[in-house]
Amino acid sequence: MPVLNIRALPDDVHQGLRLRAARHGRSMEAEARAILAAAVLDDGERWDVRSLPAWVDKVYGKRKPKNVAATLIAGRRKEARRE
């Protein structure tokens, strides 16, 4: 599973995360994962390459640019190689 390190987190954000984690009975790491998952997952759906064409159809409808899903996938793969 990938690992994410966050540097230069402001003190007030760190303290807020600590308090929020305590309210939810979780570690700070588990709370950060929950916050990130809620921010990037649509209705609890996990995103992967196979779901991208359906999402593009939903967003663009009949005005979809040609090869937009393939272009997005290629862009993400390029970013992943740099990471």
Protein backbone atom coordinates (compact mmCIF):
# COMPACT_ATOMS: atom_id res chain seq x y z
CA MET A 1 0.00 0.00 0.00
CA PRO A 2 1.39 3.47 -0.84
CA VAL A 3 2.71 5.77 1.87
CA LEU A 4 2.17 9.54 2.03
CA ASN A 5 4.31 11.85 4.13
CA ILE A 6 3.07 15.37 4.76
CA ARG A 7 5.75 17.92 5.57
CA ALA A 8 5.37 21.41 7.00
CA LEU A 9 1.91 20.77 8.45
CA PRO A 10 0.87 23.95 10.28
CA ASP A 11 0.66 23.55 14.06
CA ASP A 12 -3.02 24.48 14.19
CA VAL A 13 -3.87 21.86 11.55
CA HIS A 14 -1.86 19.24 13.43
CA GLN A 15 -3.65 20.09 16.68
CA GLY A 16 -7.04 20.07 14.93
CA LEU A 17 -6.32 16.64 13.48
CA ARG A 18 -5.29 15.38 16.91
CA LEU A 19 -8.54 16.64 18.47
CA ARG A 20 -10.70 15.32 15.62
CA ALA A 21 -9.03 11.90 15.86
CA ALA A 22 -9.66 11.79 19.60
CA ARG A 23 -13.34 12.69 19.09
CA HIS A 24 -13.70 9.81 16.63
CA GLY A 25 -11.66 7.37 18.74
CA ARG A 26 -8.99 6.93 16.07
CA SER A 27 -5.29 7.49 15.71
CA MET A 28 -4.22 10.63 13.87
CA GLU A 29 -3.11 8.45 10.97
CA ALA A 30 -6.48 6.70 10.75
CA GLU A 31 -8.27 10.04 10.96
CA ALA A 32 -6.14 11.49 8.16
CA ARG A 33 -6.92 8.42 6.00
CA ALA A 34 -10.64 8.84 6.66
CA ILE A 35 -10.52 12.55 5.78
CA LEU A 36 -8.60 11.91 2.56
CA ALA A 37 -10.86 9.04 1.54
CA ALA A 38 -13.97 11.16 2.10
CA ALA A 39 -12.44 13.99 0.08
CA VAL A 40 -11.49 11.95 -2.98
CA LEU A 41 -13.98 9.09 -3.16
CA ASP A 42 -17.33 9.78 -4.81
CA ASP A 43 -20.21 8.31 -2.77
CA GLY A 44 -17.91 5.72 -1.25
CA GLU A 45 -16.94 4.43 -4.70
CA ARG A 46 -13.32 3.46 -5.13
CA TRP A 47 -11.81 4.93 -8.26
CA ASP A 48 -9.69 2.94 -10.62
CA VAL A 49 -8.79 3.09 -14.28
CA ARG A 50 -11.73 0.86 -15.26
CA SER A 51 -14.28 3.31 -13.80
CA LEU A 52 -12.80 6.39 -15.49
CA PRO A 53 -14.62 6.07 -18.85
CA ALA A 54 -18.01 5.90 -17.09
CA TRP A 55 -17.12 8.93 -14.98
CA VAL A 56 -16.06 10.89 -18.07
CA ASP A 57 -19.37 10.00 -19.76
CA LYS A 58 -21.24 11.21 -16.67
CA VAL A 59 -19.32 14.51 -16.56
CA TYR A 60 -19.25 15.34 -20.28
CA GLY A 61 -22.36 13.58 -21.59
CA LYS A 62 -22.71 13.98 -25.34
CA ARG A 63 -20.16 16.82 -25.43
CA LYS A 64 -17.28 14.51 -24.50
CA PRO A 65 -13.97 15.41 -26.18
CA LYS A 66 -12.40 12.65 -28.25
CA ASN A 67 -10.14 10.26 -26.28
CA VAL A 68 -10.51 12.23 -23.03
CA ALA A 69 -10.43 9.11 -20.84
CA ALA A 70 -7.30 7.80 -22.56
CA THR A 71 -5.66 11.21 -22.21
CA LEU A 72 -6.45 11.36 -18.47
CA ILE A 73 -5.16 7.83 -17.94
CA ALA A 74 -1.94 8.58 -19.84
CA GLY A 75 -1.44 11.77 -17.81
CA ARG A 76 -1.91 9.92 -14.52
CA ARG A 77 0.53 7.20 -15.57
CA LYS A 78 3.11 9.88 -16.42
CA GLU A 79 2.62 11.49 -13.01
CA ALA A 80 2.94 8.10 -11.29
CA ARG A 81 6.28 7.46 -12.99
CA ARG A 82 7.60 10.79 -11.62
CA GLU A 83 6.43 9.92 -8.09
